[in-house]
């Protein structure tokens, strides 16, 4: 039981030490407002492009189904949707890391 007692003491000490570490609020460095603006524009442009690709893909699927080739056009809608998920996930990750 000696090893378990030492481990328990080490865990307690770690928990007590981490309670002392300060957690300051995140702040944007001065002069980086332009970077934030560019990232916001890129996100917006990405969503517009993905939305347009989904609409065009839907049109291609509708036309292809009339000819009996609809299964060939399905990836043209699925890939832009995957792109939208990646853009949204990246924007959310940046927001979390930046504290916005």
PDB file of N, CA and C in Angstrom:
ATOM      1  N   UNK A   1       0.808  -1.202   0.000  1.00  0.00           N
ATOM      2  CA  UNK A   1       0.000   0.000   0.000  1.00  0.00           C
ATOM      3  C   UNK A   1       0.845   1.257   0.000  1.00  0.00           C
ATOM      4  N   UNK A   2       2.121   1.120   0.193  1.00  0.00           N
ATOM      5  CA  UNK A   2       3.005   2.274   0.261  1.00  0.00           C
ATOM      6  C   UNK A   2       3.014   3.046  -1.059  1.00  0.00           C
ATOM      7  N   UNK A   3       3.021   2.349  -2.200  1.00  0.00           N
ATOM      8  CA  UNK A   3       3.053   3.008  -3.510  1.00  0.00           C
ATOM      9  C   UNK A   3       1.771   3.801  -3.741  1.00  0.00           C
ATOM     10  N   UNK A   4       0.651   3.254  -3.351  1.00  0.00           N
ATOM     11  CA  UNK A   4      -0.623   3.953  -3.531  1.00  0.00           C
ATOM     12  C   UNK A   4      -0.665   5.218  -2.679  1.00  0.00           C
ATOM     13  N   UNK A   5      -0.147   5.164  -1.477  1.00  0.00           N
ATOM     14  CA  UNK A   5      -0.117   6.350  -0.616  1.00  0.00           C
ATOM     15  C   UNK A   5       0.760   7.444  -1.209  1.00  0.00           C
ATOM     16  N   UNK A   6       1.899   7.070  -1.761  1.00  0.00           N
ATOM     17  CA  UNK A   6       2.790   8.056  -2.388  1.00  0.00           C
ATOM     18  C   UNK A   6       2.106   8.675  -3.603  1.00  0.00           C
ATOM     19  N   UNK A   7       1.455   7.843  -4.413  1.00  0.00           N
ATOM     20  CA  UNK A   7       0.750   8.343  -5.587  1.00  0.00           C
ATOM     21  C   UNK A   7      -0.378   9.285  -5.176  1.00  0.00           C
ATOM     22  N   UNK A   8      -1.132   8.919  -4.153  1.00  0.00           N
ATOM     23  CA  UNK A   8      -2.227   9.760  -3.667  1.00  0.00           C
ATOM     24  C   UNK A   8      -1.699  11.105  -3.166  1.00  0.00           C
ATOM     25  N   UNK A   9      -0.593  11.098  -2.467  1.00  0.00           N
ATOM     26  CA  UNK A   9       0.016  12.338  -1.975  1.00  0.00           C
ATOM     27  C   UNK A   9       0.482  13.204  -3.139  1.00  0.00           C
ATOM     28  N   UNK A  10       1.064  12.583  -4.168  1.00  0.00           N
ATOM     29  CA  UNK A  10       1.525  13.332  -5.339  1.00  0.00           C
ATOM     30  C   UNK A  10       0.352  13.970  -6.073  1.00  0.00           C
ATOM     31  N   UNK A  11      -0.743  13.247  -6.209  1.00  0.00           N
ATOM     32  CA  UNK A  11      -1.927  13.795  -6.875  1.00  0.00           C
ATOM     33  C   UNK A  11      -2.500  14.953  -6.071  1.00  0.00           C
ATOM     34  N   UNK A  12      -2.588  14.814  -4.772  1.00  0.00           N
ATOM     35  CA  UNK A  12      -3.085  15.900  -3.922  1.00  0.00           C
ATOM     36  C   UNK A  12      -2.207  17.139  -4.032  1.00  0.00           C
ATOM     37  N   UNK A  13      -0.895  16.951  -4.046  1.00  0.00           N
ATOM     38  CA  UNK A  13       0.024  18.080  -4.164  1.00  0.00           C
ATOM     39  C   UNK A  13      -0.140  18.767  -5.512  1.00  0.00           C
ATOM     40  N   UNK A  14      -0.322  17.994  -6.573  1.00  0.00           N
ATOM     41  CA  UNK A  14      -0.514  18.569  -7.908  1.00  0.00           C
ATOM     42  C   UNK A  14      -1.798  19.379  -7.967  1.00  0.00           C
ATOM     43  N   UNK A  15      -2.867  18.855  -7.400  1.00  0.00           N
ATOM     44  CA  UNK A  15      -4.143  19.572  -7.394  1.00  0.00           C
ATOM     45  C   UNK A  15      -4.016  20.868  -6.606  1.00  0.00           C
ATOM     46  N   UNK A  16      -3.326  20.845  -5.492  1.00  0.00           N
ATOM     47  CA  UNK A  16      -3.158  22.050  -4.681  1.00  0.00           C
ATOM     48  C   UNK A  16      -2.293  23.083  -5.389  1.00  0.00           C
ATOM     49  N   UNK A  17      -1.266  22.651  -6.110  1.00  0.00           N
ATOM     50  CA  UNK A  17      -0.395  23.594  -6.816  1.00  0.00           C
ATOM     51  C   UNK A  17      -1.107  24.235  -8.000  1.00  0.00           C
ATOM     52  N   UNK A  18      -1.905  23.472  -8.721  1.00  0.00           N
ATOM     53  CA  UNK A  18      -2.578  24.032  -9.890  1.00  0.00           C
ATOM     54  C   UNK A  18      -3.650  25.032  -9.503  1.00  0.00           C
ATOM     55  N   UNK A  19      -4.147  24.988  -8.295  1.00  0.00           N
ATOM     56  CA  UNK A  19      -5.128  25.963  -7.852  1.00  0.00           C
ATOM     57  C   UNK A  19      -4.532  27.341  -7.668  1.00  0.00           C
ATOM     58  N   UNK A  20      -3.213  27.450  -7.573  1.00  0.00           N
ATOM     59  CA  UNK A  20      -2.532  28.713  -7.340  1.00  0.00           C
ATOM     60  C   UNK A  20      -2.196  29.422  -8.654  1.00  0.00           C
ATOM     61  N   UNK A  21      -2.183  28.706  -9.770  1.00  0.00           N
ATOM     62  CA  UNK A  21      -1.799  29.283 -11.058  1.00  0.00           C
ATOM     63  C   UNK A  21      -2.864  30.284 -11.499  1.00  0.00           C
ATOM     64  N   UNK A  22      -2.468  31.532 -11.831  1.00  0.00           N
ATOM     65  CA  UNK A  22      -3.457  32.526 -12.272  1.00  0.00           C
ATOM     66  C   UNK A  22      -3.971  32.207 -13.677  1.00  0.00           C
ATOM     67  N   UNK A  23      -5.166  32.660 -13.971  1.00  0.00           N
ATOM     68  CA  UNK A  23      -5.778  32.449 -15.274  1.00  0.00           C
ATOM     69  C   UNK A  23      -6.241  33.801 -15.813  1.00  0.00           C
ATOM     70  N   UNK A  24      -5.320  34.584 -16.429  1.00  0.00           N
ATOM     71  CA  UNK A  24      -5.705  35.911 -16.913  1.00  0.00           C
ATOM     72  C   UNK A  24      -6.613  35.817 -18.134  1.00  0.00           C
ATOM     73  N   UNK A  25      -7.416  36.851 -18.324  1.00  0.00           N
ATOM     74  CA  UNK A  25      -8.298  36.914 -19.484  1.00  0.00           C
ATOM     75  C   UNK A  25      -7.467  37.151 -20.746  1.00  0.00           C
ATOM     76  N   UNK A  26      -7.827  36.511 -21.868  1.00  0.00           N
ATOM     77  CA  UNK A  26      -7.063  36.712 -23.101  1.00  0.00           C
ATOM     78  C   UNK A  26      -7.271  38.116 -23.653  1.00  0.00           C
ATOM     79  N   UNK A  27      -6.210  38.678 -24.225  1.00  0.00           N
ATOM     80  CA  UNK A  27      -6.274  40.000 -24.841  1.00  0.00           C
ATOM     81  C   UNK A  27      -5.634  39.932 -26.216  1.00  0.00           C
ATOM     82  N   UNK A  28      -6.217  40.656 -27.149  1.00  0.00           N
ATOM     83  CA  UNK A  28      -5.649  40.718 -28.486  1.00  0.00           C
ATOM     84  C   UNK A  28      -4.443  41.644 -28.466  1.00  0.00           C
ATOM     85  N   UNK A  29      -3.322  41.217 -29.060  1.00  0.00           N
ATOM     86  CA  UNK A  29      -2.148  42.086 -29.091  1.00  0.00           C
ATOM     87  C   UNK A  29      -2.436  43.360 -29.886  1.00  0.00           C
ATOM     88  N   UNK A  30      -1.839  44.478 -29.496  1.00  0.00           N
ATOM     89  CA  UNK A  30      -2.079  45.718 -30.233  1.00  0.00           C
ATOM     90  C   UNK A  30      -1.556  45.615 -31.664  1.00  0.00           C
ATOM     91  N   UNK A  31      -2.298  46.198 -32.581  1.00  0.00           N
ATOM     92  CA  UNK A  31      -1.879  46.225 -33.977  1.00  0.00           C
ATOM     93  C   UNK A  31      -2.303  45.010 -34.784  1.00  0.00           C
ATOM     94  N   UNK A  32      -3.081  44.107 -34.206  1.00  0.00           N
ATOM     95  CA  UNK A  32      -3.495  42.909 -34.945  1.00  0.00           C
ATOM     96  C   UNK A  32      -4.965  42.944 -35.346  1.00  0.00           C
ATOM     97  N   UNK A  33      -5.581  44.105 -35.300  1.00  0.00           N
ATOM     98  CA  UNK A  33      -6.987  44.211 -35.677  1.00  0.00           C
ATOM     99  C   UNK A  33      -7.183  43.872 -37.150  1.00  0.00           C
ATOM    100  N   UNK A  34      -6.205  44.213 -37.990  1.00  0.00           N
ATOM    101  CA  UNK A  34      -6.296  43.908 -39.417  1.00  0.00           C
ATOM    102  C   UNK A  34      -6.317  42.412 -39.685  1.00  0.00           C
ATOM    103  N   UNK A  35      -5.563  41.651 -38.902  1.00  0.00           N
ATOM    104  CA  UNK A  35      -5.539  40.197 -39.070  1.00  0.00           C
ATOM    105  C   UNK A  35      -6.911  39.618 -38.753  1.00  0.00           C
ATOM    106  N   UNK A  36      -7.537  40.108 -37.709  1.00  0.00           N
ATOM    107  CA  UNK A  36      -8.869  39.639 -37.338  1.00  0.00           C
ATOM    108  C   UNK A  36      -9.874  39.955 -38.444  1.00  0.00           C
ATOM    109  N   UNK A  37      -9.763  41.134 -39.025  1.00  0.00           N
ATOM    110  CA  UNK A  37     -10.660  41.523 -40.117  1.00  0.00           C
ATOM    111  C   UNK A  37     -10.461  40.620 -41.328  1.00  0.00           C
ATOM    112  N   UNK A  38      -9.214  40.339 -41.679  1.00  0.00           N
ATOM    113  CA  UNK A  38      -8.930  39.480 -42.834  1.00  0.00           C
ATOM    114  C   UNK A  38      -9.465  38.069 -42.594  1.00  0.00           C
ATOM    115  N   UNK A  39      -9.283  37.537 -41.382  1.00  0.00           N
ATOM    116  CA  UNK A  39      -9.812  36.204 -41.078  1.00  0.00           C
ATOM    117  C   UNK A  39     -11.333  36.177 -41.172  1.00  0.00           C
ATOM    118  N   UNK A  40     -11.989  37.232 -40.712  1.00  0.00           N
ATOM    119  CA  UNK A  40     -13.450  37.297 -40.807  1.00  0.00           C
ATOM    120  C   UNK A  40     -13.892  37.333 -42.265  1.00  0.00           C
ATOM    121  N   UNK A  41     -13.197  38.103 -43.095  1.00  0.00           N
ATOM    122  CA  UNK A  41     -13.526  38.161 -44.523  1.00  0.00           C
ATOM    123  C   UNK A  41     -13.315  36.802 -45.188  1.00  0.00           C
ATOM    124  N   UNK A  42     -12.202  36.140 -44.878  1.00  0.00           N
ATOM    125  CA  UNK A  42     -11.924  34.836 -45.478  1.00  0.00           C
ATOM    126  C   UNK A  42     -12.992  33.816 -45.096  1.00  0.00           C
ATOM    127  N   UNK A  43     -13.435  33.858 -43.846  1.00  0.00           N
ATOM    128  CA  UNK A  43     -14.495  32.947 -43.410  1.00  0.00           C
ATOM    129  C   UNK A  43     -15.783  33.239 -44.174  1.00  0.00           C
ATOM    130  N   UNK A  44     -16.122  34.491 -44.306  1.00  0.00           N
ATOM    131  CA  UNK A  44     -17.344  34.873 -45.008  1.00  0.00           C
ATOM    132  C   UNK A  44     -17.270  34.451 -46.473  1.00  0.00           C
ATOM    133  N   UNK A  45     -16.136  34.727 -47.132  1.00  0.00           N
ATOM    134  CA  UNK A  45     -15.955  34.345 -48.538  1.00  0.00           C
ATOM    135  C   UNK A  45     -16.026  32.827 -48.683  1.00  0.00           C
ATOM    136  N   UNK A  46     -15.422  32.101 -47.742  1.00  0.00           N
ATOM    137  CA  UNK A  46     -15.473  30.638 -47.789  1.00  0.00           C
ATOM    138  C   UNK A  46     -16.894  30.122 -47.716  1.00  0.00           C
ATOM    139  N   UNK A  47     -17.705  30.697 -46.838  1.00  0.00           N
ATOM    140  CA  UNK A  47     -19.099  30.270 -46.735  1.00  0.00           C
ATOM    141  C   UNK A  47     -19.874  30.589 -48.013  1.00  0.00           C
ATOM    142  N   UNK A  48     -19.608  31.730 -48.636  1.00  0.00           N
ATOM    143  CA  UNK A  48     -20.300  32.086 -49.880  1.00  0.00           C
ATOM    144  C   UNK A  48     -19.926  31.106 -50.991  1.00  0.00           C
ATOM    145  N   UNK A  49     -18.628  30.787 -51.100  1.00  0.00           N
ATOM    146  CA  UNK A  49     -18.182  29.851 -52.134  1.00  0.00           C
ATOM    147  C   UNK A  49     -18.790  28.467 -51.905  1.00  0.00           C
ATOM    148  N   UNK A  50     -18.790  28.014 -50.663  1.00  0.00           N
ATOM    149  CA  UNK A  50     -19.366  26.699 -50.356  1.00  0.00           C
ATOM    150  C   UNK A  50     -20.866  26.694 -50.643  1.00  0.00           C
ATOM    151  N   UNK A  51     -21.564  27.762 -50.270  1.00  0.00           N
ATOM    152  CA  UNK A  51     -22.993  27.838 -50.559  1.00  0.00           C
ATOM    153  C   UNK A  51     -23.276  27.797 -52.051  1.00  0.00           C
ATOM    154  N   UNK A  52     -22.483  28.529 -52.827  1.00  0.00           N
ATOM    155  CA  UNK A  52     -22.637  28.492 -54.283  1.00  0.00           C
ATOM    156  C   UNK A  52     -22.348  27.116 -54.853  1.00  0.00           C
ATOM    157  N   UNK A  53     -21.329  26.454 -54.320  1.00  0.00           N
ATOM    158  CA  UNK A  53     -20.990  25.114 -54.800  1.00  0.00           C
ATOM    159  C   UNK A  53     -22.104  24.119 -54.496  1.00  0.00           C
ATOM    160  N   UNK A  54     -22.740  24.260 -53.344  1.00  0.00           N
ATOM    161  CA  UNK A  54     -23.851  23.364 -53.005  1.00  0.00           C
ATOM    162  C   UNK A  54     -25.028  23.598 -53.950  1.00  0.00           C
ATOM    163  N   UNK A  55     -25.311  24.856 -54.264  1.00  0.00           N
ATOM    164  CA  UNK A  55     -26.412  25.161 -55.185  1.00  0.00           C
ATOM    165  C   UNK A  55     -26.115  24.613 -56.577  1.00  0.00           C
ATOM    166  N   UNK A  56     -24.901  24.841 -57.076  1.00  0.00           N
ATOM    167  CA  UNK A  56     -24.523  24.332 -58.398  1.00  0.00           C
ATOM    168  C   UNK A  56     -24.545  22.803 -58.393  1.00  0.00           C
ATOM    169  N   UNK A  57     -24.055  22.196 -57.313  1.00  0.00           N
ATOM    170  CA  UNK A  57     -24.095  20.738 -57.216  1.00  0.00           C
ATOM    171  C   UNK A  57     -25.514  20.210 -57.226  1.00  0.00           C
ATOM    172  N   UNK A  58     -26.422  20.904 -56.546  1.00  0.00           N
ATOM    173  CA  UNK A  58     -27.830  20.499 -56.560  1.00  0.00           C
ATOM    174  C   UNK A  58     -28.432  20.578 -57.952  1.00  0.00           C
ATOM    175  N   UNK A  59     -28.079  21.618 -58.690  1.00  0.00           N
ATOM    176  CA  UNK A  59     -28.561  21.739 -60.074  1.00  0.00           C
ATOM    177  C   UNK A  59     -28.024  20.587 -60.919  1.00  0.00           C
ATOM    178  N   UNK A  60     -26.734  20.274 -60.750  1.00  0.00           N
ATOM    179  CA  UNK A  60     -26.146  19.172 -61.512  1.00  0.00           C
ATOM    180  C   UNK A  60     -26.794  17.835 -61.167  1.00  0.00           C
ATOM    181  N   UNK A  61     -27.130  17.636 -59.897  1.00  0.00           N
ATOM    182  CA  UNK A  61     -27.807  16.394 -59.508  1.00  0.00           C
ATOM    183  C   UNK A  61     -29.188  16.320 -60.152  1.00  0.00           C
ATOM    184  N   UNK A  62     -29.919  17.438 -60.138  1.00  0.00           N
ATOM    185  CA  UNK A  62     -31.255  17.446 -60.739  1.00  0.00           C
ATOM    186  C   UNK A  62     -31.185  17.123 -62.229  1.00  0.00           C
ATOM    187  N   UNK A  63     -30.233  17.708 -62.923  1.00  0.00           N
ATOM    188  CA  UNK A  63     -30.083  17.447 -64.358  1.00  0.00           C
ATOM    189  C   UNK A  63     -29.629  16.005 -64.585  1.00  0.00           C
ATOM    190  N   UNK A  64     -28.710  15.527 -63.760  1.00  0.00           N
ATOM    191  CA  UNK A  64     -28.181  14.174 -63.933  1.00  0.00           C
ATOM    192  C   UNK A  64     -29.230  13.108 -63.644  1.00  0.00           C
ATOM    193  N   UNK A  65     -30.110  13.350 -62.666  1.00  0.00           N
ATOM    194  CA  UNK A  65     -31.145  12.370 -62.361  1.00  0.00           C
ATOM    195  C   UNK A  65     -32.124  12.229 -63.523  1.00  0.00           C
ATOM    196  N   UNK A  66     -32.319  13.280 -64.271  1.00  0.00           N
ATOM    197  CA  UNK A  66     -33.213  13.189 -65.429  1.00  0.00           C
ATOM    198  C   UNK A  66     -32.611  12.283 -66.489  1.00  0.00           C
ATOM    199  N   UNK A  67     -31.265  12.238 -66.528  1.00  0.00           N
ATOM    200  CA  UNK A  67     -30.585  11.387 -67.505  1.00  0.00           C
ATOM    201  C   UNK A  67     -30.234  10.020 -66.920  1.00  0.00           C
ATOM    202  N   UNK A  68     -30.538   9.795 -65.635  1.00  0.00           N
ATOM    203  CA  UNK A  68     -30.233   8.514 -65.010  1.00  0.00           C
ATOM    204  C   UNK A  68     -28.812   8.401 -64.488  1.00  0.00           C
ATOM    205  N   UNK A  69     -28.121   9.527 -64.316  1.00  0.00           N
ATOM    206  CA  UNK A  69     -26.733   9.512 -63.843  1.00  0.00           C
ATOM    207  C   UNK A  69     -26.592  10.288 -62.533  1.00  0.00           C
ATOM    208  N   UNK A  70     -27.605  10.269 -61.705  1.00  0.00           N
ATOM    209  CA  UNK A  70     -27.603  11.075 -60.488  1.00  0.00           C
ATOM    210  C   UNK A  70     -26.557  10.676 -59.474  1.00  0.00           C
ATOM    211  N   UNK A  71     -26.249   9.388 -59.400  1.00  0.00           N
ATOM    212  CA  UNK A  71     -25.269   8.942 -58.411  1.00  0.00           C
ATOM    213  C   UNK A  71     -23.874   9.489 -58.697  1.00  0.00           C
ATOM    214  N   UNK A  72     -23.588   9.847 -59.943  1.00  0.00           N
ATOM    215  CA  UNK A  72     -22.281  10.427 -60.278  1.00  0.00           C
ATOM    216  C   UNK A  72     -22.147  11.862 -59.779  1.00  0.00           C
ATOM    217  N   UNK A  73     -23.262  12.565 -59.608  1.00  0.00           N
ATOM    218  CA  UNK A  73     -23.221  13.970 -59.212  1.00  0.00           C
ATOM    219  C   UNK A  73     -23.311  14.172 -57.700  1.00  0.00           C
ATOM    220  N   UNK A  74     -23.617  13.135 -56.940  1.00  0.00           N
ATOM    221  CA  UNK A  74     -23.753  13.298 -55.490  1.00  0.00           C
ATOM    222  C   UNK A  74     -22.489  13.837 -54.820  1.00  0.00           C
ATOM    223  N   UNK A  75     -21.278  13.402 -55.197  1.00  0.00           N
ATOM    224  CA  UNK A  75     -20.085  13.979 -54.553  1.00  0.00           C
ATOM    225  C   UNK A  75     -19.942  15.482 -54.772  1.00  0.00           C
ATOM    226  N   UNK A  76     -20.578  16.016 -55.806  1.00  0.00           N
ATOM    227  CA  UNK A  76     -20.489  17.453 -56.061  1.00  0.00           C
ATOM    228  C   UNK A  76     -21.242  18.263 -55.017  1.00  0.00           C
ATOM    229  N   UNK A  77     -22.110  17.641 -54.259  1.00  0.00           N
ATOM    230  CA  UNK A  77     -22.785  18.308 -53.150  1.00  0.00           C
ATOM    231  C   UNK A  77     -22.144  17.914 -51.824  1.00  0.00           C
ATOM    232  N   UNK A  78     -21.724  16.668 -51.722  1.00  0.00           N
ATOM    233  CA  UNK A  78     -21.157  16.187 -50.458  1.00  0.00           C
ATOM    234  C   UNK A  78     -19.844  16.888 -50.133  1.00  0.00           C
ATOM    235  N   UNK A  79     -18.958  17.071 -51.113  1.00  0.00           N
ATOM    236  CA  UNK A  79     -17.662  17.708 -50.840  1.00  0.00           C
ATOM    237  C   UNK A  79     -17.798  19.168 -50.412  1.00  0.00           C
ATOM    238  N   UNK A  80     -18.654  19.978 -51.043  1.00  0.00           N
ATOM    239  CA  UNK A  80     -18.835  21.341 -50.506  1.00  0.00           C
ATOM    240  C   UNK A  80     -19.399  21.360 -49.090  1.00  0.00           C
ATOM    241  N   UNK A  81     -20.260  20.401 -48.761  1.00  0.00           N
ATOM    242  CA  UNK A  81     -20.767  20.338 -47.384  1.00  0.00           C
ATOM    243  C   UNK A  81     -19.641  19.998 -46.414  1.00  0.00           C
ATOM    244  N   UNK A  82     -18.755  19.108 -46.828  1.00  0.00           N
ATOM    245  CA  UNK A  82     -17.588  18.803 -45.992  1.00  0.00           C
ATOM    246  C   UNK A  82     -16.710  20.045 -45.844  1.00  0.00           C
ATOM    247  N   UNK A  83     -16.587  20.818 -46.918  1.00  0.00           N
ATOM    248  CA  UNK A  83     -15.833  22.070 -46.840  1.00  0.00           C
ATOM    249  C   UNK A  83     -16.459  23.055 -45.868  1.00  0.00           C
ATOM    250  N   UNK A  84     -17.788  23.129 -45.851  1.00  0.00           N
ATOM    251  CA  UNK A  84     -18.466  24.017 -44.906  1.00  0.00           C
ATOM    252  C   UNK A  84     -18.209  23.581 -43.471  1.00  0.00           C
ATOM    253  N   UNK A  85     -18.186  22.273 -43.239  1.00  0.00           N
ATOM    254  CA  UNK A  85     -17.906  21.769 -41.892  1.00  0.00           C
ATOM    255  C   UNK A  85     -16.488  22.130 -41.475  1.00  0.00           C
ATOM    256  N   UNK A  86     -15.541  21.993 -42.397  1.00  0.00           N
ATOM    257  CA  UNK A  86     -14.145  22.319 -42.079  1.00  0.00           C
ATOM    258  C   UNK A  86     -13.979  23.814 -41.829  1.00  0.00           C
ATOM    259  N   UNK A  87     -14.609  24.653 -42.651  1.00  0.00           N
ATOM    260  CA  UNK A  87     -14.519  26.106 -42.454  1.00  0.00           C
ATOM    261  C   UNK A  87     -15.130  26.489 -41.106  1.00  0.00           C
ATOM    262  N   UNK A  88     -16.308  25.947 -40.804  1.00  0.00           N
ATOM    263  CA  UNK A  88     -16.956  26.249 -39.527  1.00  0.00           C
ATOM    264  C   UNK A  88     -16.148  25.754 -38.343  1.00  0.00           C
ATOM    265  N   UNK A  89     -15.588  24.555 -38.466  1.00  0.00           N
ATOM    266  CA  UNK A  89     -14.758  24.018 -37.389  1.00  0.00           C
ATOM    267  C   UNK A  89     -13.496  24.826 -37.181  1.00  0.00           C
ATOM    268  N   UNK A  90     -12.870  25.246 -38.282  1.00  0.00           N
ATOM    269  CA  UNK A  90     -11.665  26.069 -38.164  1.00  0.00           C
ATOM    270  C   UNK A  90     -11.968  27.418 -37.545  1.00  0.00           C
ATOM    271  N   UNK A  91     -13.071  28.022 -37.950  1.00  0.00           N
ATOM    272  CA  UNK A  91     -13.450  29.316 -37.380  1.00  0.00           C
ATOM    273  C   UNK A  91     -13.767  29.176 -35.894  1.00  0.00           C
ATOM    274  N   UNK A  92     -14.437  28.094 -35.520  1.00  0.00           N
ATOM    275  CA  UNK A  92     -14.745  27.878 -34.103  1.00  0.00           C
ATOM    276  C   UNK A  92     -13.472  27.635 -33.294  1.00  0.00           C
ATOM    277  N   UNK A  93     -12.535  26.875 -33.865  1.00  0.00           N
ATOM    278  CA  UNK A  93     -11.275  26.607 -33.166  1.00  0.00           C
ATOM    279  C   UNK A  93     -10.484  27.889 -32.955  1.00  0.00           C
ATOM    280  N   UNK A  94     -10.426  28.738 -33.971  1.00  0.00           N
ATOM    281  CA  UNK A  94      -9.730  30.019 -33.823  1.00  0.00           C
ATOM    282  C   UNK A  94     -10.424  30.870 -32.769  1.00  0.00           C
ATOM    283  N   UNK A  95     -11.761  30.875 -32.775  1.00  0.00           N
ATOM    284  CA  UNK A  95     -12.500  31.638 -31.771  1.00  0.00           C
ATOM    285  C   UNK A  95     -12.238  31.153 -30.357  1.00  0.00           C
ATOM    286  N   UNK A  96     -12.149  29.840 -30.186  1.00  0.00           N
ATOM    287  CA  UNK A  96     -11.882  29.287 -28.856  1.00  0.00           C
ATOM    288  C   UNK A  96     -10.473  29.637 -28.410  1.00  0.00           C
ATOM    289  N   UNK A  97      -9.498  29.452 -29.307  1.00  0.00           N
ATOM    290  CA  UNK A  97      -8.109  29.719 -28.943  1.00  0.00           C
ATOM    291  C   UNK A  97      -7.849  31.202 -28.714  1.00  0.00           C
ATOM    292  N   UNK A  98      -8.541  32.052 -29.473  1.00  0.00           N
ATOM    293  CA  UNK A  98      -8.345  33.492 -29.327  1.00  0.00           C
ATOM    294  C   UNK A  98      -9.180  34.063 -28.186  1.00  0.00           C
ATOM    295  N   UNK A  99     -10.100  33.286 -27.666  1.00  0.00           N
ATOM    296  CA  UNK A  99     -10.928  33.754 -26.557  1.00  0.00           C
ATOM    297  C   UNK A  99     -12.025  34.696 -26.992  1.00  0.00           C
ATOM    298  N   UNK A 100     -12.410  34.631 -28.257  1.00  0.00           N
ATOM    299  CA  UNK A 100     -13.456  35.530 -28.756  1.00  0.00           C
ATOM    300  C   UNK A 100     -14.822  34.954 -28.513  1.00  0.00           C
TER     301      UNK A 100
END
